[in-house]
Amino acid sequence: MYLFLCDGKAEGCAQTNCYKSGGECLYTTDINHAVNFSKEANLDDLLYVEKESYIKKLVYVWKVKLILVRKVICWLKIRLPLLNHF
């Protein structure tokens, strides 16, 4: 069985722990609901082709968020001691 990054729209899923509603579940076993695959017609069959890495996009977004959090923490470390002088 394979796991795919889910689009959050899989039928039969209770979606109680779905990432789209703040949960932790990111995956599906149904390739039809995989965000990083697309269907392409191939003569007699349907062929599933992997799209550009969705994980790489997610990692980039989280790195940007982490950088922003670190900047805020650094800013607070500098400013908080100054507030104690007043």
PDB file of N, CA and C in Angstrom:
ATOM      1  N   MET A   1       0.850  -1.172   0.000  1.00  0.00           N
ATOM      2  CA  MET A   1       0.000   0.000   0.000  1.00  0.00           C
ATOM      3  C   MET A   1       0.899   1.240   0.000  1.00  0.00           C
ATOM      4  N   TYR A   2       0.501   2.214  -0.800  1.00  0.00           N
ATOM      5  CA  TYR A   2       1.256   3.460  -0.899  1.00  0.00           C
ATOM      6  C   TYR A   2       0.486   4.589  -0.230  1.00  0.00           C
ATOM      7  N   LEU A   3       1.214   5.548   0.294  1.00  0.00           N
ATOM      8  CA  LEU A   3       0.602   6.742   0.855  1.00  0.00           C
ATOM      9  C   LEU A   3       0.942   7.933  -0.026  1.00  0.00           C
ATOM     10  N   PHE A   4      -0.066   8.763  -0.268  1.00  0.00           N
ATOM     11  CA  PHE A   4       0.096   9.953  -1.083  1.00  0.00           C
ATOM     12  C   PHE A   4      -0.331  11.168  -0.291  1.00  0.00           C
ATOM     13  N   LEU A   5       0.247  12.310  -0.589  1.00  0.00           N
ATOM     14  CA  LEU A   5      -0.160  13.552   0.035  1.00  0.00           C
ATOM     15  C   LEU A   5      -1.584  13.867  -0.413  1.00  0.00           C
ATOM     16  N   CYS A   6      -2.494  14.027   0.534  1.00  0.00           N
ATOM     17  CA  CYS A   6      -3.931  14.107   0.270  1.00  0.00           C
ATOM     18  C   CYS A   6      -4.385  15.516  -0.111  1.00  0.00           C
ATOM     19  N   ASP A   7      -5.419  15.582  -0.948  1.00  0.00           N
ATOM     20  CA  ASP A   7      -6.022  16.873  -1.293  1.00  0.00           C
ATOM     21  C   ASP A   7      -7.128  17.262  -0.309  1.00  0.00           C
ATOM     22  N   GLY A   8      -7.430  16.387   0.643  1.00  0.00           N
ATOM     23  CA  GLY A   8      -8.444  16.671   1.657  1.00  0.00           C
ATOM     24  C   GLY A   8      -9.866  16.447   1.184  1.00  0.00           C
ATOM     25  N   LYS A   9     -10.042  15.791   0.048  1.00  0.00           N
ATOM     26  CA  LYS A   9     -11.371  15.603  -0.526  1.00  0.00           C
ATOM     27  C   LYS A   9     -11.706  14.137  -0.770  1.00  0.00           C
ATOM     28  N   ALA A  10     -10.996  13.216  -0.149  1.00  0.00           N
ATOM     29  CA  ALA A  10     -11.203  11.795  -0.390  1.00  0.00           C
ATOM     30  C   ALA A  10     -12.565  11.336   0.122  1.00  0.00           C
ATOM     31  N   GLU A  11     -13.278  10.570  -0.719  1.00  0.00           N
ATOM     32  CA  GLU A  11     -14.561  10.031  -0.320  1.00  0.00           C
ATOM     33  C   GLU A  11     -14.355   8.972   0.760  1.00  0.00           C
ATOM     34  N   GLY A  12     -15.301   8.856   1.641  1.00  0.00           N
ATOM     35  CA  GLY A  12     -15.225   7.844   2.683  1.00  0.00           C
ATOM     36  C   GLY A  12     -14.329   8.219   3.841  1.00  0.00           C
ATOM     37  N   CYS A  13     -13.712   9.353   3.767  1.00  0.00           N
ATOM     38  CA  CYS A  13     -12.836   9.806   4.853  1.00  0.00           C
ATOM     39  C   CYS A  13     -13.662  10.677   5.800  1.00  0.00           C
ATOM     40  N   ALA A  14     -13.587  10.391   7.084  1.00  0.00           N
ATOM     41  CA  ALA A  14     -14.337  11.174   8.067  1.00  0.00           C
ATOM     42  C   ALA A  14     -13.768  12.585   8.205  1.00  0.00           C
ATOM     43  N   GLN A  15     -12.526  12.761   7.822  1.00  0.00           N
ATOM     44  CA  GLN A  15     -11.823  14.041   7.864  1.00  0.00           C
ATOM     45  C   GLN A  15     -11.839  14.680   9.257  1.00  0.00           C
ATOM     46  N   THR A  16     -11.863  13.846  10.284  1.00  0.00           N
ATOM     47  CA  THR A  16     -11.861  14.380  11.643  1.00  0.00           C
ATOM     48  C   THR A  16     -10.482  14.871  12.051  1.00  0.00           C
ATOM     49  N   ASN A  17      -9.459  14.356  11.401  1.00  0.00           N
ATOM     50  CA  ASN A  17      -8.095  14.744  11.743  1.00  0.00           C
ATOM     51  C   ASN A  17      -7.370  15.318  10.524  1.00  0.00           C
ATOM     52  N   CYS A  18      -8.122  15.860   9.571  1.00  0.00           N
ATOM     53  CA  CYS A  18      -7.575  16.364   8.311  1.00  0.00           C
ATOM     54  C   CYS A  18      -6.765  17.645   8.519  1.00  0.00           C
ATOM     55  N   TYR A  19      -5.665  17.768   7.797  1.00  0.00           N
ATOM     56  CA  TYR A  19      -4.816  18.964   7.908  1.00  0.00           C
ATOM     57  C   TYR A  19      -5.551  20.226   7.482  1.00  0.00           C
ATOM     58  N   LYS A  20      -6.566  20.090   6.627  1.00  0.00           N
ATOM     59  CA  LYS A  20      -7.310  21.265   6.180  1.00  0.00           C
ATOM     60  C   LYS A  20      -8.177  21.862   7.288  1.00  0.00           C
ATOM     61  N   SER A  21      -8.453  21.053   8.310  1.00  0.00           N
ATOM     62  CA  SER A  21      -9.232  21.567   9.444  1.00  0.00           C
ATOM     63  C   SER A  21      -8.371  21.637  10.702  1.00  0.00           C
ATOM     64  N   GLY A  22      -7.048  21.693  10.525  1.00  0.00           N
ATOM     65  CA  GLY A  22      -6.128  21.852  11.635  1.00  0.00           C
ATOM     66  C   GLY A  22      -5.606  20.565  12.229  1.00  0.00           C
ATOM     67  N   GLY A  23      -5.969  19.416  11.650  1.00  0.00           N
ATOM     68  CA  GLY A  23      -5.517  18.123  12.161  1.00  0.00           C
ATOM     69  C   GLY A  23      -4.131  17.756  11.665  1.00  0.00           C
ATOM     70  N   GLU A  24      -3.737  16.523  11.966  1.00  0.00           N
ATOM     71  CA  GLU A  24      -2.388  16.072  11.623  1.00  0.00           C
ATOM     72  C   GLU A  24      -2.332  15.174  10.396  1.00  0.00           C
ATOM     73  N   CYS A  25      -3.478  14.693   9.908  1.00  0.00           N
ATOM     74  CA  CYS A  25      -3.483  13.745   8.790  1.00  0.00           C
ATOM     75  C   CYS A  25      -3.209  14.461   7.469  1.00  0.00           C
ATOM     76  N   LEU A  26      -2.189  14.006   6.759  1.00  0.00           N
ATOM     77  CA  LEU A  26      -1.792  14.590   5.474  1.00  0.00           C
ATOM     78  C   LEU A  26      -1.906  13.608   4.310  1.00  0.00           C
ATOM     79  N   TYR A  27      -2.214  12.333   4.588  1.00  0.00           N
ATOM     80  CA  TYR A  27      -2.036  11.309   3.576  1.00  0.00           C
ATOM     81  C   TYR A  27      -3.314  10.548   3.238  1.00  0.00           C
ATOM     82  N   THR A  28      -3.325   9.958   2.033  1.00  0.00           N
ATOM     83  CA  THR A  28      -4.393   9.098   1.561  1.00  0.00           C
ATOM     84  C   THR A  28      -3.775   7.922   0.826  1.00  0.00           C
ATOM     85  N   THR A  29      -4.517   6.832   0.745  1.00  0.00           N
ATOM     86  CA  THR A  29      -4.071   5.695  -0.065  1.00  0.00           C
ATOM     87  C   THR A  29      -4.699   5.749  -1.445  1.00  0.00           C
ATOM     88  N   ASP A  30      -5.628   6.673  -1.666  1.00  0.00           N
ATOM     89  CA  ASP A  30      -6.329   6.828  -2.942  1.00  0.00           C
ATOM     90  C   ASP A  30      -5.562   7.803  -3.838  1.00  0.00           C
ATOM     91  N   ILE A  31      -4.942   7.273  -4.888  1.00  0.00           N
ATOM     92  CA  ILE A  31      -4.124   8.113  -5.771  1.00  0.00           C
ATOM     93  C   ILE A  31      -4.961   9.167  -6.495  1.00  0.00           C
ATOM     94  N   ASN A  32      -6.267   8.938  -6.599  1.00  0.00           N
ATOM     95  CA  ASN A  32      -7.146   9.925  -7.242  1.00  0.00           C
ATOM     96  C   ASN A  32      -7.235  11.215  -6.439  1.00  0.00           C
ATOM     97  N   HIS A  33      -6.870  11.159  -5.161  1.00  0.00           N
ATOM     98  CA  HIS A  33      -6.907  12.342  -4.302  1.00  0.00           C
ATOM     99  C   HIS A  33      -5.511  12.771  -3.858  1.00  0.00           C
ATOM    100  N   ALA A  34      -4.525  12.349  -4.599  1.00  0.00           N
ATOM    101  CA  ALA A  34      -3.149  12.745  -4.308  1.00  0.00           C
ATOM    102  C   ALA A  34      -2.866  14.091  -4.971  1.00  0.00           C
ATOM    103  N   VAL A  35      -2.351  15.041  -4.221  1.00  0.00           N
ATOM    104  CA  VAL A  35      -2.093  16.367  -4.780  1.00  0.00           C
ATOM    105  C   VAL A  35      -0.853  16.390  -5.667  1.00  0.00           C
ATOM    106  N   ASN A  36       0.035  15.429  -5.504  1.00  0.00           N
ATOM    107  CA  ASN A  36       1.273  15.453  -6.269  1.00  0.00           C
ATOM    108  C   ASN A  36       1.275  14.483  -7.454  1.00  0.00           C
ATOM    109  N   PHE A  37       0.076  14.008  -7.853  1.00  0.00           N
ATOM    110  CA  PHE A  37      -0.034  13.153  -9.029  1.00  0.00           C
ATOM    111  C   PHE A  37      -1.156  13.665  -9.918  1.00  0.00           C
ATOM    112  N   SER A  38      -1.014  13.454 -11.212  1.00  0.00           N
ATOM    113  CA  SER A  38      -2.078  13.820 -12.138  1.00  0.00           C
ATOM    114  C   SER A  38      -2.316  12.662 -13.108  1.00  0.00           C
ATOM    115  N   LYS A  39      -3.538  12.572 -13.608  1.00  0.00           N
ATOM    116  CA  LYS A  39      -3.876  11.532 -14.574  1.00  0.00           C
ATOM    117  C   LYS A  39      -3.535  12.030 -15.972  1.00  0.00           C
ATOM    118  N   GLU A  40      -2.965  11.142 -16.760  1.00  0.00           N
ATOM    119  CA  GLU A  40      -2.708  11.454 -18.164  1.00  0.00           C
ATOM    120  C   GLU A  40      -3.118  10.250 -18.995  1.00  0.00           C
ATOM    121  N   ALA A  41      -3.781  10.516 -20.086  1.00  0.00           N
ATOM    122  CA  ALA A  41      -4.196   9.438 -20.974  1.00  0.00           C
ATOM    123  C   ALA A  41      -2.978   8.902 -21.719  1.00  0.00           C
ATOM    124  N   ASN A  42      -2.854   7.587 -21.743  1.00  0.00           N
ATOM    125  CA  ASN A  42      -1.726   6.937 -22.409  1.00  0.00           C
ATOM    126  C   ASN A  42      -2.268   5.812 -23.286  1.00  0.00           C
ATOM    127  N   LEU A  43      -2.534   6.079 -24.511  1.00  0.00           N
ATOM    128  CA  LEU A  43      -3.096   5.126 -25.482  1.00  0.00           C
ATOM    129  C   LEU A  43      -4.281   4.344 -24.902  1.00  0.00           C
ATOM    130  N   ASP A  44      -4.025   3.248 -24.229  1.00  0.00           N
ATOM    131  CA  ASP A  44      -5.112   2.404 -23.725  1.00  0.00           C
ATOM    132  C   ASP A  44      -5.392   2.591 -22.235  1.00  0.00           C
ATOM    133  N   ASP A  45      -4.447   3.122 -21.513  1.00  0.00           N
ATOM    134  CA  ASP A  45      -4.574   3.196 -20.048  1.00  0.00           C
ATOM    135  C   ASP A  45      -4.577   4.634 -19.565  1.00  0.00           C
ATOM    136  N   LEU A  46      -4.869   4.749 -18.284  1.00  0.00           N
ATOM    137  CA  LEU A  46      -4.625   6.011 -17.598  1.00  0.00           C
ATOM    138  C   LEU A  46      -3.273   5.886 -16.925  1.00  0.00           C
ATOM    139  N   LEU A  47      -2.501   6.916 -17.012  1.00  0.00           N
ATOM    140  CA  LEU A  47      -1.164   6.915 -16.435  1.00  0.00           C
ATOM    141  C   LEU A  47      -1.116   7.997 -15.374  1.00  0.00           C
ATOM    142  N   TYR A  48      -0.609   7.673 -14.208  1.00  0.00           N
ATOM    143  CA  TYR A  48      -0.449   8.660 -13.150  1.00  0.00           C
ATOM    144  C   TYR A  48       0.979   9.176 -13.185  1.00  0.00           C
ATOM    145  N   VAL A  49       1.107  10.498 -13.274  1.00  0.00           N
ATOM    146  CA  VAL A  49       2.420  11.122 -13.382  1.00  0.00           C
ATOM    147  C   VAL A  49       2.617  12.037 -12.186  1.00  0.00           C
ATOM    148  N   GLU A  50       3.790  11.943 -11.567  1.00  0.00           N
ATOM    149  CA  GLU A  50       4.083  12.782 -10.413  1.00  0.00           C
ATOM    150  C   GLU A  50       4.334  14.213 -10.859  1.00  0.00           C
ATOM    151  N   LYS A  51       3.683  15.137 -10.148  1.00  0.00           N
ATOM    152  CA  LYS A  51       3.866  16.560 -10.424  1.00  0.00           C
ATOM    153  C   LYS A  51       5.146  17.039  -9.740  1.00  0.00           C
ATOM    154  N   GLU A  52       5.440  18.318  -9.901  1.00  0.00           N
ATOM    155  CA  GLU A  52       6.566  18.906  -9.188  1.00  0.00           C
ATOM    156  C   GLU A  52       6.378  18.629  -7.710  1.00  0.00           C
ATOM    157  N   SER A  53       7.423  18.383  -7.032  1.00  0.00           N
ATOM    158  CA  SER A  53       7.355  17.948  -5.640  1.00  0.00           C
ATOM    159  C   SER A  53       6.600  18.932  -4.756  1.00  0.00           C
ATOM    160  N   TYR A  54       5.451  18.490  -4.289  1.00  0.00           N
ATOM    161  CA  TYR A  54       4.629  19.295  -3.387  1.00  0.00           C
ATOM    162  C   TYR A  54       5.308  19.428  -2.031  1.00  0.00           C
ATOM    163  N   ILE A  55       6.012  18.377  -1.635  1.00  0.00           N
ATOM    164  CA  ILE A  55       6.734  18.402  -0.359  1.00  0.00           C
ATOM    165  C   ILE A  55       7.780  19.509  -0.369  1.00  0.00           C
ATOM    166  N   LYS A  56       8.480  19.689  -1.493  1.00  0.00           N
ATOM    167  CA  LYS A  56       9.477  20.754  -1.567  1.00  0.00           C
ATOM    168  C   LYS A  56       8.831  22.114  -1.352  1.00  0.00           C
ATOM    169  N   LYS A  57       7.613  22.303  -1.901  1.00  0.00           N
ATOM    170  CA  LYS A  57       6.901  23.560  -1.697  1.00  0.00           C
ATOM    171  C   LYS A  57       6.542  23.744  -0.236  1.00  0.00           C
ATOM    172  N   LEU A  58       6.066  22.664   0.416  1.00  0.00           N
ATOM    173  CA  LEU A  58       5.717  22.748   1.831  1.00  0.00           C
ATOM    174  C   LEU A  58       6.940  23.057   2.689  1.00  0.00           C
ATOM    175  N   VAL A  59       8.052  22.405   2.383  1.00  0.00           N
ATOM    176  CA  VAL A  59       9.282  22.631   3.138  1.00  0.00           C
ATOM    177  C   VAL A  59       9.713  24.090   3.003  1.00  0.00           C
ATOM    178  N   TYR A  60       9.614  24.645   1.806  1.00  0.00           N
ATOM    179  CA  TYR A  60       9.984  26.043   1.589  1.00  0.00           C
ATOM    180  C   TYR A  60       9.104  26.965   2.430  1.00  0.00           C
ATOM    181  N   VAL A  61       7.803  26.722   2.418  1.00  0.00           N
ATOM    182  CA  VAL A  61       6.876  27.558   3.196  1.00  0.00           C
ATOM    183  C   VAL A  61       7.211  27.476   4.677  1.00  0.00           C
ATOM    184  N   TRP A  62       7.472  26.275   5.190  1.00  0.00           N
ATOM    185  CA  TRP A  62       7.786  26.132   6.610  1.00  0.00           C
ATOM    186  C   TRP A  62       9.129  26.759   6.960  1.00  0.00           C
ATOM    187  N   LYS A  63      10.097  26.717   6.034  1.00  0.00           N
ATOM    188  CA  LYS A  63      11.380  27.373   6.285  1.00  0.00           C
ATOM    189  C   LYS A  63      11.201  28.878   6.397  1.00  0.00           C
ATOM    190  N   VAL A  64      10.375  29.446   5.518  1.00  0.00           N
ATOM    191  CA  VAL A  64      10.100  30.885   5.577  1.00  0.00           C
ATOM    192  C   VAL A  64       9.434  31.238   6.895  1.00  0.00           C
ATOM    193  N   LYS A  65       8.459  30.427   7.325  1.00  0.00           N
ATOM    194  CA  LYS A  65       7.786  30.679   8.601  1.00  0.00           C
ATOM    195  C   LYS A  65       8.770  30.574   9.758  1.00  0.00           C
ATOM    196  N   LEU A  66       9.652  29.594   9.724  1.00  0.00           N
ATOM    197  CA  LEU A  66      10.640  29.421  10.786  1.00  0.00           C
ATOM    198  C   LEU A  66      11.575  30.620  10.855  1.00  0.00           C
ATOM    199  N   ILE A  67      11.987  31.126   9.712  1.00  0.00           N
ATOM    200  CA  ILE A  67      12.851  32.306   9.680  1.00  0.00           C
ATOM    201  C   ILE A  67      12.135  33.499  10.309  1.00  0.00           C
ATOM    202  N   LEU A  68      10.861  33.677   9.987  1.00  0.00           N
ATOM    203  CA  LEU A  68      10.095  34.782  10.564  1.00  0.00           C
ATOM    204  C   LEU A  68       9.965  34.643  12.074  1.00  0.00           C
ATOM    205  N   VAL A  69       9.721  33.434  12.544  1.00  0.00           N
ATOM    206  CA  VAL A  69       9.610  33.199  13.990  1.00  0.00           C
ATOM    207  C   VAL A  69      10.938  33.504  14.674  1.00  0.00           C
ATOM    208  N   ARG A  70      12.029  33.068  14.070  1.00  0.00           N
ATOM    209  CA  ARG A  70      13.351  33.350  14.651  1.00  0.00           C
ATOM    210  C   ARG A  70      13.622  34.847  14.708  1.00  0.00           C
ATOM    211  N   LYS A  71      13.210  35.589  13.678  1.00  0.00           N
ATOM    212  CA  LYS A  71      13.402  37.041  13.677  1.00  0.00           C
ATOM    213  C   LYS A  71      12.591  37.696  14.788  1.00  0.00           C
ATOM    214  N   VAL A  72      11.361  37.228  14.990  1.00  0.00           N
ATOM    215  CA  VAL A  72      10.518  37.780  16.059  1.00  0.00           C
ATOM    216  C   VAL A  72      11.134  37.487  17.416  1.00  0.00           C
ATOM    217  N   ILE A  73      11.629  36.274  17.615  1.00  0.00           N
ATOM    218  CA  ILE A  73      12.262  35.911  18.886  1.00  0.00           C
ATOM    219  C   ILE A  73      13.485  36.782  19.131  1.00  0.00           C
ATOM    220  N   CYS A  74      14.295  36.963  18.112  1.00  0.00           N
ATOM    221  CA  CYS A  74      15.489  37.804  18.234  1.00  0.00           C
ATOM    222  C   CYS A  74      15.092  39.233  18.576  1.00  0.00           C
ATOM    223  N   TRP A  75      14.074  39.749  17.899  1.00  0.00           N
ATOM    224  CA  TRP A  75      13.587  41.106  18.151  1.00  0.00           C
ATOM    225  C   TRP A  75      13.119  41.238  19.599  1.00  0.00           C
ATOM    226  N   LEU A  76      12.397  40.222  20.088  1.00  0.00           N
ATOM    227  CA  LEU A  76      11.902  40.261  21.469  1.00  0.00           C
ATOM    228  C   LEU A  76      13.048  40.198  22.481  1.00  0.00           C
ATOM    229  N   LYS A  77      14.057  39.376  22.196  1.00  0.00           N
ATOM    230  CA  LYS A  77      15.198  39.268  23.107  1.00  0.00           C
ATOM    231  C   LYS A  77      15.924  40.605  23.238  1.00  0.00           C
ATOM    232  N   ILE A  78      15.950  41.340  22.154  1.00  0.00           N
ATOM    233  CA  ILE A  78      16.615  42.649  22.180  1.00  0.00           C
ATOM    234  C   ILE A  78      15.744  43.669  22.901  1.00  0.00           C
ATOM    235  N   ARG A  79      14.465  43.685  22.639  1.00  0.00           N
ATOM    236  CA  ARG A  79      13.566  44.722  23.156  1.00  0.00           C
ATOM    237  C   ARG A  79      13.138  44.506  24.608  1.00  0.00           C
ATOM    238  N   LEU A  80      12.936  43.257  25.029  1.00  0.00           N
ATOM    239  CA  LEU A  80      12.423  43.004  26.380  1.00  0.00           C
ATOM    240  C   LEU A  80      13.334  43.551  27.488  1.00  0.00           C
ATOM    241  N   PRO A  81      14.644  43.360  27.403  1.00  0.00           N
ATOM    242  CA  PRO A  81      15.494  43.943  28.452  1.00  0.00           C
ATOM    243  C   PRO A  81      15.409  45.476  28.488  1.00  0.00           C
ATOM    244  N   LEU A  82      15.179  46.097  27.329  1.00  0.00           N
ATOM    245  CA  LEU A  82      15.063  47.553  27.296  1.00  0.00           C
ATOM    246  C   LEU A  82      13.815  48.032  28.027  1.00  0.00           C
ATOM    247  N   LEU A  83      12.765  47.235  27.992  1.00  0.00           N
ATOM    248  CA  LEU A  83      11.516  47.611  28.670  1.00  0.00           C
ATOM    249  C   LEU A  83      11.678  47.629  30.189  1.00  0.00           C
ATOM    250  N   ASN A  84      12.595  46.837  30.712  1.00  0.00           N
ATOM    251  CA  ASN A  84      12.807  46.773  32.157  1.00  0.00           C
ATOM    252  C   ASN A  84      13.465  48.028  32.699  1.00  0.00           C
ATOM    253  N   HIS A  85      14.052  48.844  31.841  1.00  0.00           N
ATOM    254  CA  HIS A  85      14.742  50.058  32.285  1.00  0.00           C
ATOM    255  C   HIS A  85      13.789  51.223  32.509  1.00  0.00           C
ATOM    256  N   PHE A  86      12.558  51.106  32.083  1.00  0.00           N
ATOM    257  CA  PHE A  86      11.612  52.229  32.226  1.00  0.00           C
ATOM    258  C   PHE A  86      10.760  52.089  33.460  1.00  0.00           C
TER     259      PHE A  86
END
